[in-house]
């Protein structure tokens, strides 16, 4: 079965950095578009960053210039490097993806990121 397992969340001070990882299994990772979403308390889940199978990326305006999404097809893993973190980045971050024709059908369990002094 498909599994997306996130790791790397935690507590960090404003201005700090974290790197999230999402290890995928049960999909053909190299042809799967992948994405990171987040959901803050009392807010809707929102797209943070996405990467195509070819490596093209797009970002939410709120994270452009601070976050970087990347993928390692040899490790079946997608990453989210988060720099210059702000309190408003506090949320549960979810990995999302899937192989065609089920692109974006699968979700990880989420990892908590808290930005606070």
C-alpha atoms as a PDB file:
ATOM      1  CA  UNK A   1       0.000   0.000   0.000  1.00  0.00           C
ATOM      2  CA  UNK A   2       0.994   3.622  -0.388  1.00  0.00           C
ATOM      3  CA  UNK A   3       2.782   5.258   2.513  1.00  0.00           C
ATOM      4  CA  UNK A   4       4.045   8.801   2.848  1.00  0.00           C
ATOM      5  CA  UNK A   5       5.982   9.278   6.075  1.00  0.00           C
ATOM      6  CA  UNK A   6       7.009  12.766   7.159  1.00  0.00           C
ATOM      7  CA  UNK A   7       9.782  13.618   9.588  1.00  0.00           C
ATOM      8  CA  UNK A   8      11.809  16.615  10.684  1.00  0.00           C
ATOM      9  CA  UNK A   9       9.245  18.781  12.411  1.00  0.00           C
ATOM     10  CA  UNK A  10       9.801  20.384  15.783  1.00  0.00           C
ATOM     11  CA  UNK A  11      10.116  23.578  17.761  1.00  0.00           C
ATOM     12  CA  UNK A  12      12.326  26.339  16.369  1.00  0.00           C
ATOM     13  CA  UNK A  13      12.889  29.982  17.197  1.00  0.00           C
ATOM     14  CA  UNK A  14      11.876  32.731  14.756  1.00  0.00           C
ATOM     15  CA  UNK A  15      14.550  33.116  12.099  1.00  0.00           C
ATOM     16  CA  UNK A  16      15.595  29.509  12.422  1.00  0.00           C
ATOM     17  CA  UNK A  17      15.553  26.643   9.942  1.00  0.00           C
ATOM     18  CA  UNK A  18      14.126  23.153   9.644  1.00  0.00           C
ATOM     19  CA  UNK A  19      14.218  20.509   6.946  1.00  0.00           C
ATOM     20  CA  UNK A  20      11.218  18.258   6.504  1.00  0.00           C
ATOM     21  CA  UNK A  21      11.492  14.891   4.772  1.00  0.00           C
ATOM     22  CA  UNK A  22       8.817  12.691   3.267  1.00  0.00           C
ATOM     23  CA  UNK A  23       9.714   9.094   2.456  1.00  0.00           C
ATOM     24  CA  UNK A  24       7.381   7.491  -0.072  1.00  0.00           C
ATOM     25  CA  UNK A  25       6.632   3.831  -0.718  1.00  0.00           C
ATOM     26  CA  UNK A  26       4.055   2.010  -2.802  1.00  0.00           C
ATOM     27  CA  UNK A  27       4.231   4.535  -5.647  1.00  0.00           C
ATOM     28  CA  UNK A  28       6.478   4.994  -8.656  1.00  0.00           C
ATOM     29  CA  UNK A  29       8.186   7.949  -7.073  1.00  0.00           C
ATOM     30  CA  UNK A  30      10.207   9.109 -10.066  1.00  0.00           C
ATOM     31  CA  UNK A  31       7.060   9.887 -12.092  1.00  0.00           C
ATOM     32  CA  UNK A  32       5.021  11.226  -9.169  1.00  0.00           C
ATOM     33  CA  UNK A  33       4.415  14.917  -8.626  1.00  0.00           C
ATOM     34  CA  UNK A  34       4.780  15.716  -4.920  1.00  0.00           C
ATOM     35  CA  UNK A  35       3.729  18.575  -2.675  1.00  0.00           C
ATOM     36  CA  UNK A  36       3.790  19.947   0.839  1.00  0.00           C
ATOM     37  CA  UNK A  37       0.692  21.390   2.456  1.00  0.00           C
ATOM     38  CA  UNK A  38       0.156  22.883   5.889  1.00  0.00           C
ATOM     39  CA  UNK A  39      -2.750  23.452   8.205  1.00  0.00           C
ATOM     40  CA  UNK A  40      -2.705  25.901  11.084  1.00  0.00           C
ATOM     41  CA  UNK A  41      -5.275  25.791  13.899  1.00  0.00           C
ATOM     42  CA  UNK A  42      -8.694  27.008  12.770  1.00  0.00           C
ATOM     43  CA  UNK A  43      -7.474  27.491   9.210  1.00  0.00           C
ATOM     44  CA  UNK A  44      -7.907  25.577   5.974  1.00  0.00           C
ATOM     45  CA  UNK A  45      -5.175  23.354   4.626  1.00  0.00           C
ATOM     46  CA  UNK A  46      -3.070  25.266   2.117  1.00  0.00           C
ATOM     47  CA  UNK A  47      -0.499  24.405  -0.516  1.00  0.00           C
ATOM     48  CA  UNK A  48       3.028  25.379   0.505  1.00  0.00           C
ATOM     49  CA  UNK A  49       5.159  24.028  -2.340  1.00  0.00           C
ATOM     50  CA  UNK A  50       4.974  21.500  -5.163  1.00  0.00           C
ATOM     51  CA  UNK A  51       7.452  19.758  -7.432  1.00  0.00           C
ATOM     52  CA  UNK A  52       6.786  17.910 -10.663  1.00  0.00           C
ATOM     53  CA  UNK A  53       8.426  14.657 -11.685  1.00  0.00           C
ATOM     54  CA  UNK A  54      10.728  16.753 -13.880  1.00  0.00           C
ATOM     55  CA  UNK A  55      11.759  18.992 -11.014  1.00  0.00           C
ATOM     56  CA  UNK A  56       9.726  22.116 -11.757  1.00  0.00           C
ATOM     57  CA  UNK A  57       8.607  23.869  -8.594  1.00  0.00           C
ATOM     58  CA  UNK A  58       6.027  26.345  -7.410  1.00  0.00           C
ATOM     59  CA  UNK A  59       5.488  28.020  -4.059  1.00  0.00           C
ATOM     60  CA  UNK A  60       2.884  29.864  -2.080  1.00  0.00           C
ATOM     61  CA  UNK A  61       3.603  33.587  -2.093  1.00  0.00           C
ATOM     62  CA  UNK A  62       4.004  33.527   1.691  1.00  0.00           C
ATOM     63  CA  UNK A  63       7.027  31.202   1.531  1.00  0.00           C
ATOM     64  CA  UNK A  64       8.765  32.283  -1.690  1.00  0.00           C
ATOM     65  CA  UNK A  65      12.434  32.997  -1.095  1.00  0.00           C
ATOM     66  CA  UNK A  66      12.395  31.216   2.281  1.00  0.00           C
ATOM     67  CA  UNK A  67      11.351  27.625   1.528  1.00  0.00           C
ATOM     68  CA  UNK A  68      12.803  25.197  -1.018  1.00  0.00           C
ATOM     69  CA  UNK A  69      11.215  21.948  -2.169  1.00  0.00           C
ATOM     70  CA  UNK A  70      13.440  19.260  -3.660  1.00  0.00           C
ATOM     71  CA  UNK A  71      13.372  15.551  -4.400  1.00  0.00           C
ATOM     72  CA  UNK A  72      15.779  12.629  -4.420  1.00  0.00           C
ATOM     73  CA  UNK A  73      14.394   9.940  -6.704  1.00  0.00           C
ATOM     74  CA  UNK A  74      17.091   7.461  -5.618  1.00  0.00           C
ATOM     75  CA  UNK A  75      15.778   7.716  -2.044  1.00  0.00           C
ATOM     76  CA  UNK A  76      12.072   8.089  -2.903  1.00  0.00           C
ATOM     77  CA  UNK A  77      12.108  11.195  -0.732  1.00  0.00           C
ATOM     78  CA  UNK A  78      10.876  14.758  -1.069  1.00  0.00           C
ATOM     79  CA  UNK A  79      12.237  17.527   1.146  1.00  0.00           C
ATOM     80  CA  UNK A  80      11.136  20.943   2.308  1.00  0.00           C
ATOM     81  CA  UNK A  81      13.956  23.210   3.467  1.00  0.00           C
ATOM     82  CA  UNK A  82      12.489  25.998   5.552  1.00  0.00           C
ATOM     83  CA  UNK A  83      14.619  29.041   6.369  1.00  0.00           C
ATOM     84  CA  UNK A  84      13.872  32.354   8.082  1.00  0.00           C
ATOM     85  CA  UNK A  85      10.935  30.768   9.838  1.00  0.00           C
ATOM     86  CA  UNK A  86       8.199  33.003  11.230  1.00  0.00           C
ATOM     87  CA  UNK A  87       5.570  32.361  13.925  1.00  0.00           C
ATOM     88  CA  UNK A  88       2.938  32.337  11.177  1.00  0.00           C
ATOM     89  CA  UNK A  89       4.635  29.261   9.672  1.00  0.00           C
ATOM     90  CA  UNK A  90       3.444  27.277  12.704  1.00  0.00           C
ATOM     91  CA  UNK A  91       1.254  24.439  11.425  1.00  0.00           C
ATOM     92  CA  UNK A  92       1.022  20.732  10.798  1.00  0.00           C
ATOM     93  CA  UNK A  93       2.843  20.043   7.543  1.00  0.00           C
ATOM     94  CA  UNK A  94       1.590  17.266   5.280  1.00  0.00           C
ATOM     95  CA  UNK A  95       3.239  15.465   2.394  1.00  0.00           C
ATOM     96  CA  UNK A  96       1.048  14.790  -0.627  1.00  0.00           C
ATOM     97  CA  UNK A  97       1.577  12.874  -3.852  1.00  0.00           C
ATOM     98  CA  UNK A  98       0.869   9.874  -6.010  1.00  0.00           C
ATOM     99  CA  UNK A  99       1.679   8.206  -9.301  1.00  0.00           C
ATOM    100  CA  UNK A 100      -0.393   8.876 -12.426  1.00  0.00           C
ATOM    101  CA  UNK A 101      -3.340   8.632 -12.728  1.00  0.00           C
ATOM    102  CA  UNK A 102      -3.611   9.124  -8.965  1.00  0.00           C
ATOM    103  CA  UNK A 103      -1.542  12.252  -8.685  1.00  0.00           C
ATOM    104  CA  UNK A 104      -1.988  14.013  -5.336  1.00  0.00           C
ATOM    105  CA  UNK A 105      -4.306  11.262  -4.012  1.00  0.00           C
ATOM    106  CA  UNK A 106      -2.216  10.273  -1.005  1.00  0.00           C
ATOM    107  CA  UNK A 107      -1.344  12.031   2.248  1.00  0.00           C
ATOM    108  CA  UNK A 108       1.120  11.538   5.052  1.00  0.00           C
ATOM    109  CA  UNK A 109       0.166  11.694   8.717  1.00  0.00           C
ATOM    110  CA  UNK A 110       1.623  15.164   9.185  1.00  0.00           C
ATOM    111  CA  UNK A 111       4.464  16.629  11.216  1.00  0.00           C
ATOM    112  CA  UNK A 112       4.133  19.565  13.610  1.00  0.00           C
ATOM    113  CA  UNK A 113       6.239  22.670  13.051  1.00  0.00           C
ATOM    114  CA  UNK A 114       6.143  25.278  15.817  1.00  0.00           C
ATOM    115  CA  UNK A 115       7.950  28.596  15.471  1.00  0.00           C
ATOM    116  CA  UNK A 116       8.139  30.348  18.806  1.00  0.00           C
ATOM    117  CA  UNK A 117      10.581  32.079  21.103  1.00  0.00           C
END
